[in-house]
């Protein structure tokens, strides 16, 4: 594969990852918790059933307002992407790192990267 093809593939992966992040936050803004859950990885969904996710206050948290995606690193060989972004939570800008994994043929947000660190 030449350098141009590699660059195009990297850009395509970055665009896929951005789309997941934007859609995830849009679901959050719209309070669509069912759709929000659908973006989370399979291992998180196995550990936290949908009905528990929908009613338990541990998962009804303020994840902030996405201000900017500052960096995306896609490790296609490892089926993982790391997204660095800036969010605003309670009028404070904070860095957030979101891990995305390739899960059953598509990119999914690693639930632990969202919910375990915000407590």
Foldseek 3Di string as FASTA:
>chain_A
DDPVVVVVVVVVVVVQVVVLVVQLLVCLVVVVQVVNVVQEAPVVCVVQPPVNCVPPVLNNDDLAAWDFWDDWDDDVVQQKIKIWTWGADPNDIDIAIWMWGCHPNGIGTHPCSRRVPPD
